[in-house]
PDB file of N, CA and C in Angstrom:
ATOM      1  N   MET A   1      86.283  53.807 143.710  1.00  0.00           N
ATOM      2  CA  MET A   1      85.137  54.706 143.759  1.00  0.00           C
ATOM      3  C   MET A   1      85.746  55.527 142.469  1.00  0.00           C
ATOM      4  N   ARG A   2      84.422  55.964 141.659  1.00  0.00           N
ATOM      5  CA  ARG A   2      84.823  56.512 140.365  1.00  0.00           C
ATOM      6  C   ARG A   2      84.641  58.423 140.784  1.00  0.00           C
ATOM      7  N   CYS A   3      83.957  58.338 141.425  1.00  0.00           N
ATOM      8  CA  CYS A   3      83.451  59.830 141.978  1.00  0.00           C
ATOM      9  C   CYS A   3      84.073  60.635 142.660  1.00  0.00           C
ATOM     10  N   LYS A   4      84.286  62.230 142.777  1.00  0.00           N
ATOM     11  CA  LYS A   4      85.092  62.516 143.790  1.00  0.00           C
ATOM     12  C   LYS A   4      83.918  63.721 143.933  1.00  0.00           C
ATOM     13  N   THR A   5      84.469  64.484 145.200  1.00  0.00           N
ATOM     14  CA  THR A   5      83.621  65.529 145.564  1.00  0.00           C
ATOM     15  C   THR A   5      83.898  66.979 144.591  1.00  0.00           C
ATOM     16  N   GLY A   6      82.663  67.302 144.086  1.00  0.00           N
ATOM     17  CA  GLY A   6      82.695  68.742 143.502  1.00  0.00           C
ATOM     18  C   GLY A   6      82.647  68.490 141.818  1.00  0.00           C
ATOM     19  N   GLU A   7      82.793  67.418 141.594  1.00  0.00           N
ATOM     20  CA  GLU A   7      82.890  66.646 140.010  1.00  0.00           C
ATOM     21  C   GLU A   7      81.427  66.692 139.765  1.00  0.00           C
ATOM     22  N   LEU A   8      81.421  66.879 138.197  1.00  0.00           N
ATOM     23  CA  LEU A   8      79.789  66.769 137.558  1.00  0.00           C
ATOM     24  C   LEU A   8      79.963  65.664 137.023  1.00  0.00           C
ATOM     25  N   ALA A   9      78.671  64.876 137.071  1.00  0.00           N
ATOM     26  CA  ALA A   9      78.556  63.580 136.735  1.00  0.00           C
ATOM     27  C   ALA A   9      77.157  63.344 136.026  1.00  0.00           C
ATOM     28  N   TYR A  10      77.017  62.198 135.179  1.00  0.00           N
ATOM     29  CA  TYR A  10      75.527  62.020 134.354  1.00  0.00           C
ATOM     30  C   TYR A  10      74.984  61.118 135.523  1.00  0.00           C
ATOM     31  N   ASP A  11      73.616  61.402 135.812  1.00  0.00           N
ATOM     32  CA  ASP A  11      73.137  60.310 136.880  1.00  0.00           C
ATOM     33  C   ASP A  11      72.098  59.243 136.229  1.00  0.00           C
ATOM     34  N   LEU A  12      72.797  57.901 136.384  1.00  0.00           N
ATOM     35  CA  LEU A  12      72.283  56.810 135.687  1.00  0.00           C
ATOM     36  C   LEU A  12      71.437  56.158 136.677  1.00  0.00           C
ATOM     37  N   GLY A  13      71.062  56.634 137.592  1.00  0.00           N
ATOM     38  CA  GLY A  13      69.961  55.789 138.650  1.00  0.00           C
ATOM     39  C   GLY A  13      68.893  55.637 138.421  1.00  0.00           C
ATOM     40  N   SER A  14      67.989  55.288 139.618  1.00  0.00           N
ATOM     41  CA  SER A  14      66.212  54.414 139.160  1.00  0.00           C
ATOM     42  C   SER A  14      65.544  55.637 139.066  1.00  0.00           C
ATOM     43  N   ASN A  15      65.852  57.033 139.404  1.00  0.00           N
ATOM     44  CA  ASN A  15      64.814  57.671 139.553  1.00  0.00           C
ATOM     45  C   ASN A  15      64.415  58.596 137.856  1.00  0.00           C
ATOM     46  N   PRO A  16      63.521  58.223 137.409  1.00  0.00           N
ATOM     47  CA  PRO A  16      63.338  58.745 136.016  1.00  0.00           C
ATOM     48  C   PRO A  16      63.420  60.149 135.896  1.00  0.00           C
ATOM     49  N   ARG A  17      63.039  60.824 136.902  1.00  0.00           N
ATOM     50  CA  ARG A  17      63.243  62.261 136.870  1.00  0.00           C
ATOM     51  C   ARG A  17      64.681  62.758 136.701  1.00  0.00           C
ATOM     52  N   HIS A  18      65.558  61.824 137.173  1.00  0.00           N
ATOM     53  CA  HIS A  18      67.176  62.540 136.886  1.00  0.00           C
ATOM     54  C   HIS A  18      67.659  61.511 136.186  1.00  0.00           C
ATOM     55  N   TYR A  19      67.320  60.625 135.367  1.00  0.00           N
ATOM     56  CA  TYR A  19      68.292  59.644 134.545  1.00  0.00           C
ATOM     57  C   TYR A  19      68.623  60.638 133.453  1.00  0.00           C
ATOM     58  N   GLY A  20      69.955  60.365 133.400  1.00  0.00           N
ATOM     59  CA  GLY A  20      70.537  60.872 132.272  1.00  0.00           C
ATOM     60  C   GLY A  20      71.223  62.382 132.435  1.00  0.00           C
ATOM     61  N   ARG A  21      70.469  62.933 133.544  1.00  0.00           N
ATOM     62  CA  ARG A  21      70.984  64.480 133.819  1.00  0.00           C
ATOM     63  C   ARG A  21      72.271  64.623 134.516  1.00  0.00           C
ATOM     64  N   ILE A  22      72.820  65.879 134.342  1.00  0.00           N
ATOM     65  CA  ILE A  22      74.201  66.111 134.726  1.00  0.00           C
ATOM     66  C   ILE A  22      73.689  66.493 136.199  1.00  0.00           C
ATOM     67  N   CYS A  23      74.569  66.049 136.979  1.00  0.00           N
ATOM     68  CA  CYS A  23      74.448  66.784 138.580  1.00  0.00           C
ATOM     69  C   CYS A  23      75.971  66.971 139.087  1.00  0.00           C
ATOM     70  N   THR A  24      75.963  67.444 140.162  1.00  0.00           N
ATOM     71  CA  THR A  24      77.025  67.936 140.975  1.00  0.00           C
ATOM     72  C   THR A  24      77.176  66.817 141.995  1.00  0.00           C
ATOM     73  N   VAL A  25      78.567  66.321 141.927  1.00  0.00           N
ATOM     74  CA  VAL A  25      78.802  65.346 143.131  1.00  0.00           C
ATOM     75  C   VAL A  25      78.996  66.289 144.671  1.00  0.00           C
ATOM     76  N   GLY A  26      78.557  65.761 145.759  1.00  0.00           N
ATOM     77  CA  GLY A  26      78.741  66.328 146.856  1.00  0.00           C
ATOM     78  C   GLY A  26      79.458  65.360 147.824  1.00  0.00           C
ATOM     79  N   GLU A  27      78.928  65.549 149.079  1.00  0.00           N
ATOM     80  CA  GLU A  27      79.489  64.747 150.339  1.00  0.00           C
ATOM     81  C   GLU A  27      79.454  63.215 150.093  1.00  0.00           C
ATOM     82  N   TYR A  28      80.612  62.522 150.323  1.00  0.00           N
ATOM     83  CA  TYR A  28      80.365  60.973 150.363  1.00  0.00           C
ATOM     84  C   TYR A  28      79.379  60.722 151.698  1.00  0.00           C
ATOM     85  N   ARG A  29      78.522  59.765 151.277  1.00  0.00           N
ATOM     86  CA  ARG A  29      77.603  59.242 152.502  1.00  0.00           C
ATOM     87  C   ARG A  29      77.588  57.940 153.044  1.00  0.00           C
ATOM     88  N   GLY A  30      78.323  57.264 152.328  1.00  0.00           N
ATOM     89  CA  GLY A  30      78.747  55.912 152.831  1.00  0.00           C
ATOM     90  C   GLY A  30      77.584  54.956 152.371  1.00  0.00           C
ATOM     91  N   PRO A  31      77.451  54.100 152.853  1.00  0.00           N
ATOM     92  CA  PRO A  31      76.194  52.971 153.038  1.00  0.00           C
ATOM     93  C   PRO A  31      75.081  53.494 153.541  1.00  0.00           C
ATOM     94  N   CYS A  32      73.964  53.439 152.621  1.00  0.00           N
ATOM     95  CA  CYS A  32      72.777  53.814 153.238  1.00  0.00           C
ATOM     96  C   CYS A  32      71.685  53.384 152.476  1.00  0.00           C
ATOM     97  N   ARG A  33      70.326  53.384 153.171  1.00  0.00           N
ATOM     98  CA  ARG A  33      69.354  52.779 152.443  1.00  0.00           C
ATOM     99  C   ARG A  33      67.962  54.209 152.118  1.00  0.00           C
ATOM    100  N   VAL A  34      67.745  54.356 150.794  1.00  0.00           N
ATOM    101  CA  VAL A  34      67.031  55.313 150.563  1.00  0.00           C
ATOM    102  C   VAL A  34      65.336  54.980 150.899  1.00  0.00           C
ATOM    103  N   ILE A  35      64.510  55.844 150.526  1.00  0.00           N
ATOM    104  CA  ILE A  35      63.147  55.834 150.737  1.00  0.00           C
ATOM    105  C   ILE A  35      62.491  54.638 150.179  1.00  0.00           C
ATOM    106  N   ASP A  36      62.812  54.401 148.919  1.00  0.00           N
ATOM    107  CA  ASP A  36      62.400  53.118 148.351  1.00  0.00           C
ATOM    108  C   ASP A  36      62.739  51.798 148.963  1.00  0.00           C
ATOM    109  N   GLY A  37      63.683  51.782 149.911  1.00  0.00           N
ATOM    110  CA  GLY A  37      64.124  50.573 150.222  1.00  0.00           C
ATOM    111  C   GLY A  37      65.454  49.822 149.439  1.00  0.00           C
ATOM    112  N   ARG A  38      65.975  50.790 148.403  1.00  0.00           N
ATOM    113  CA  ARG A  38      67.156  50.040 148.077  1.00  0.00           C
ATOM    114  C   ARG A  38      68.211  50.581 149.053  1.00  0.00           C
ATOM    115  N   GLU A  39      69.371  49.418 148.743  1.00  0.00           N
ATOM    116  CA  GLU A  39      70.470  49.823 149.911  1.00  0.00           C
ATOM    117  C   GLU A  39      71.427  50.356 148.776  1.00  0.00           C
ATOM    118  N   LEU A  40      72.215  51.423 149.091  1.00  0.00           N
ATOM    119  CA  LEU A  40      73.276  52.124 148.313  1.00  0.00           C
ATOM    120  C   LEU A  40      74.444  51.852 148.774  1.00  0.00           C
ATOM    121  N   PRO A  41      75.427  50.946 148.631  1.00  0.00           N
ATOM    122  CA  PRO A  41      76.386  50.732 149.375  1.00  0.00           C
ATOM    123  C   PRO A  41      77.731  52.006 149.206  1.00  0.00           C
ATOM    124  N   ASN A  42      77.727  52.527 148.366  1.00  0.00           N
ATOM    125  CA  ASN A  42      78.750  53.814 148.352  1.00  0.00           C
ATOM    126  C   ASN A  42      77.799  54.948 147.675  1.00  0.00           C
ATOM    127  N   ALA A  43      77.188  55.633 148.471  1.00  0.00           N
ATOM    128  CA  ALA A  43      76.323  56.609 148.447  1.00  0.00           C
ATOM    129  C   ALA A  43      76.869  58.042 148.441  1.00  0.00           C
ATOM    130  N   TRP A  44      76.590  58.915 147.332  1.00  0.00           N
ATOM    131  CA  TRP A  44      77.104  60.320 147.513  1.00  0.00           C
ATOM    132  C   TRP A  44      75.620  61.245 147.468  1.00  0.00           C
ATOM    133  N   GLN A  45      75.922  62.320 147.930  1.00  0.00           N
ATOM    134  CA  GLN A  45      75.047  63.417 148.061  1.00  0.00           C
ATOM    135  C   GLN A  45      75.020  63.986 146.427  1.00  0.00           C
ATOM    136  N   ILE A  46      73.884  64.218 145.795  1.00  0.00           N
ATOM    137  CA  ILE A  46      73.967  64.987 144.420  1.00  0.00           C
ATOM    138  C   ILE A  46      73.157  66.035 144.561  1.00  0.00           C
ATOM    139  N   THR A  47      73.530  67.059 143.565  1.00  0.00           N
ATOM    140  CA  THR A  47      72.322  68.256 143.538  1.00  0.00           C
ATOM    141  C   THR A  47      72.219  68.479 141.849  1.00  0.00           C
ATOM    142  N   PHE A  48      71.194  68.980 141.738  1.00  0.00           N
ATOM    143  CA  PHE A  48      70.879  69.406 140.296  1.00  0.00           C
ATOM    144  C   PHE A  48      70.552  70.793 140.029  1.00  0.00           C
ATOM    145  N   SER A  49      70.720  71.407 139.102  1.00  0.00           N
ATOM    146  CA  SER A  49      70.874  73.027 138.907  1.00  0.00           C
ATOM    147  C   SER A  49      69.267  73.333 139.405  1.00  0.00           C
ATOM    148  N   ASP A  50      68.380  72.511 139.112  1.00  0.00           N
ATOM    149  CA  ASP A  50      67.053  73.118 139.474  1.00  0.00           C
ATOM    150  C   ASP A  50      66.241  72.592 140.570  1.00  0.00           C
ATOM    151  N   ASP A  51      67.157  72.184 141.660  1.00  0.00           N
ATOM    152  CA  ASP A  51      66.686  71.795 142.883  1.00  0.00           C
ATOM    153  C   ASP A  51      66.061  72.932 143.713  1.00  0.00           C
ATOM    154  N   LYS A  52      64.941  72.596 144.510  1.00  0.00           N
ATOM    155  CA  LYS A  52      64.389  73.588 145.433  1.00  0.00           C
ATOM    156  C   LYS A  52      65.166  73.570 146.659  1.00  0.00           C
ATOM    157  N   PRO A  53      65.088  74.637 147.247  1.00  0.00           N
ATOM    158  CA  PRO A  53      65.879  74.556 148.686  1.00  0.00           C
ATOM    159  C   PRO A  53      65.244  73.323 149.576  1.00  0.00           C
ATOM    160  N   GLY A  54      66.112  72.810 150.303  1.00  0.00           N
ATOM    161  CA  GLY A  54      65.519  71.753 151.090  1.00  0.00           C
ATOM    162  C   GLY A  54      65.798  70.160 150.410  1.00  0.00           C
ATOM    163  N   GLU A  55      65.543  70.134 149.262  1.00  0.00           N
ATOM    164  CA  GLU A  55      65.854  68.902 148.259  1.00  0.00           C
ATOM    165  C   GLU A  55      67.260  68.420 148.614  1.00  0.00           C
ATOM    166  N   GLU A  56      67.141  67.170 148.952  1.00  0.00           N
ATOM    167  CA  GLU A  56      68.468  66.277 148.962  1.00  0.00           C
ATOM    168  C   GLU A  56      68.265  64.929 148.201  1.00  0.00           C
ATOM    169  N   TRP A  57      69.473  64.556 147.310  1.00  0.00           N
ATOM    170  CA  TRP A  57      68.965  63.573 146.781  1.00  0.00           C
ATOM    171  C   TRP A  57      70.440  62.822 146.804  1.00  0.00           C
ATOM    172  N   VAL A  58      70.460  61.413 146.859  1.00  0.00           N
ATOM    173  CA  VAL A  58      71.573  60.542 146.936  1.00  0.00           C
ATOM    174  C   VAL A  58      71.771  59.576 145.984  1.00  0.00           C
ATOM    175  N   GLU A  59      72.846  59.049 145.461  1.00  0.00           N
ATOM    176  CA  GLU A  59      72.873  57.918 144.329  1.00  0.00           C
ATOM    177  C   GLU A  59      74.166  57.320 144.624  1.00  0.00           C
ATOM    178  N   ASP A  60      73.978  56.140 144.291  1.00  0.00           N
ATOM    179  CA  ASP A  60      75.396  55.179 144.549  1.00  0.00           C
ATOM    180  C   ASP A  60      76.209  55.323 143.424  1.00  0.00           C
ATOM    181  N   ASP A  61      77.743  55.205 143.970  1.00  0.00           N
ATOM    182  CA  ASP A  61      78.803  55.607 143.026  1.00  0.00           C
ATOM    183  C   ASP A  61      78.646  54.687 141.801  1.00  0.00           C
ATOM    184  N   SER A  62      78.297  53.525 141.944  1.00  0.00           N
ATOM    185  CA  SER A  62      77.877  52.656 140.482  1.00  0.00           C
ATOM    186  C   SER A  62      77.179  53.170 139.695  1.00  0.00           C
ATOM    187  N   ARG A  63      76.058  54.280 140.030  1.00  0.00           N
ATOM    188  CA  ARG A  63      75.041  54.769 139.098  1.00  0.00           C
ATOM    189  C   ARG A  63      75.458  56.118 138.941  1.00  0.00           C
ATOM    190  N   LEU A  64      76.738  56.713 138.840  1.00  0.00           N
ATOM    191  CA  LEU A  64      77.096  57.892 138.507  1.00  0.00           C
ATOM    192  C   LEU A  64      78.204  57.938 137.656  1.00  0.00           C
ATOM    193  N   LEU A  65      77.991  58.524 136.476  1.00  0.00           N
ATOM    194  CA  LEU A  65      79.078  58.499 135.341  1.00  0.00           C
ATOM    195  C   LEU A  65      80.025  59.788 135.495  1.00  0.00           C
ATOM    196  N   PRO A  66      80.962  59.902 135.979  1.00  0.00           N
ATOM    197  CA  PRO A  66      82.013  61.280 136.220  1.00  0.00           C
ATOM    198  C   PRO A  66      82.047  61.719 134.794  1.00  0.00           C
ATOM    199  N   ILE A  67      82.253  62.805 134.458  1.00  0.00           N
ATOM    200  CA  ILE A  67      82.591  63.542 133.734  1.00  0.00           C
ATOM    201  C   ILE A  67      83.972  64.440 133.657  1.00  0.00           C
ATOM    202  N   ARG A  68      84.905  64.167 133.297  1.00  0.00           N
ATOM    203  CA  ARG A  68      86.119  64.668 133.693  1.00  0.00           C
ATOM    204  C   ARG A  68      86.485  65.876 132.740  1.00  0.00           C
ATOM    205  N   PRO A  69      87.097  66.891 133.457  1.00  0.00           N
ATOM    206  CA  PRO A  69      87.341  68.196 132.519  1.00  0.00           C
ATOM    207  C   PRO A  69      87.613  68.216 131.189  1.00  0.00           C
ATOM    208  N   GLY A  70      88.628  66.974 130.448  1.00  0.00           N
ATOM    209  CA  GLY A  70      89.163  67.096 129.496  1.00  0.00           C
ATOM    210  C   GLY A  70      88.109  66.568 128.683  1.00  0.00           C
ATOM    211  N   GLU A  71      87.054  65.526 129.142  1.00  0.00           N
ATOM    212  CA  GLU A  71      85.912  65.208 128.215  1.00  0.00           C
ATOM    213  C   GLU A  71      85.089  66.309 127.814  1.00  0.00           C
ATOM    214  N   LEU A  72      84.730  67.240 129.078  1.00  0.00           N
ATOM    215  CA  LEU A  72      83.923  68.273 128.736  1.00  0.00           C
ATOM    216  C   LEU A  72      84.154  69.046 127.610  1.00  0.00           C
ATOM    217  N   GLU A  73      85.366  69.461 127.770  1.00  0.00           N
ATOM    218  CA  GLU A  73      86.246  70.403 126.814  1.00  0.00           C
ATOM    219  C   GLU A  73      86.259  69.747 125.385  1.00  0.00           C
ATOM    220  N   GLU A  74      86.503  68.589 125.357  1.00  0.00           N
ATOM    221  CA  GLU A  74      86.571  67.847 123.754  1.00  0.00           C
ATOM    222  C   GLU A  74      84.933  67.917 123.238  1.00  0.00           C
ATOM    223  N   THR A  75      84.022  67.709 124.265  1.00  0.00           N
ATOM    224  CA  THR A  75      82.627  67.740 123.606  1.00  0.00           C
ATOM    225  C   THR A  75      82.205  69.133 123.170  1.00  0.00           C
ATOM    226  N   GLU A  76      82.985  70.403 123.976  1.00  0.00           N
ATOM    227  CA  GLU A  76      82.750  71.424 123.674  1.00  0.00           C
ATOM    228  C   GLU A  76      83.246  71.900 122.191  1.00  0.00           C
ATOM    229  N   ASN A  77      84.444  71.512 122.198  1.00  0.00           N
ATOM    230  CA  ASN A  77      85.081  71.621 120.818  1.00  0.00           C
ATOM    231  C   ASN A  77      84.419  70.875 119.384  1.00  0.00           C
ATOM    232  N   LYS A  78      83.704  69.692 119.707  1.00  0.00           N
ATOM    233  CA  LYS A  78      83.315  69.075 118.652  1.00  0.00           C
ATOM    234  C   LYS A  78      81.830  69.861 118.359  1.00  0.00           C
ATOM    235  N   GLU A  79      81.174  70.012 119.535  1.00  0.00           N
ATOM    236  CA  GLU A  79      79.808  71.153 118.950  1.00  0.00           C
ATOM    237  C   GLU A  79      80.122  72.407 118.431  1.00  0.00           C
ATOM    238  N   ALA A  80      81.467  73.025 118.644  1.00  0.00           N
ATOM    239  CA  ALA A  80      81.914  74.433 118.224  1.00  0.00           C
ATOM    240  C   ALA A  80      82.012  73.907 116.475  1.00  0.00           C
ATOM    241  N   THR A  81      82.563  72.903 116.290  1.00  0.00           N
ATOM    242  CA  THR A  81      83.155  72.331 114.738  1.00  0.00           C
ATOM    243  C   THR A  81      81.798  72.054 114.334  1.00  0.00           C
ATOM    244  N   TRP A  82      80.711  71.304 114.836  1.00  0.00           N
ATOM    245  CA  TRP A  82      79.381  70.869 114.075  1.00  0.00           C
ATOM    246  C   TRP A  82      78.770  72.337 113.779  1.00  0.00           C
ATOM    247  N   THR A  83      78.752  73.318 114.779  1.00  0.00           N
ATOM    248  CA  THR A  83      78.006  74.497 114.344  1.00  0.00           C
ATOM    249  C   THR A  83      78.499  75.581 113.562  1.00  0.00           C
ATOM    250  N   ALA A  84      79.675  75.338 113.252  1.00  0.00           N
ATOM    251  CA  ALA A  84      80.553  76.483 112.316  1.00  0.00           C
ATOM    252  C   ALA A  84      79.996  76.351 111.210  1.00  0.00           C
TER     253      ALA A  84
END
């Protein structure tokens, strides 16, 4: 599995509302079936910064691209260089 609880990740799942957005990886849910009938063999609960109370999202590990702390720092340094 690529993700870990508490990490940030890009959501590359099938929901166009969330595709490409950064989410926080929550609790591992294991195999589950979602409302549209898809089977997710390794589902994680995920949250987004603009979620409303009570909203709950899940996505499969294969469709979440973890953002490691070093990668985030590298991006911030590049942005600082470009804007300076």
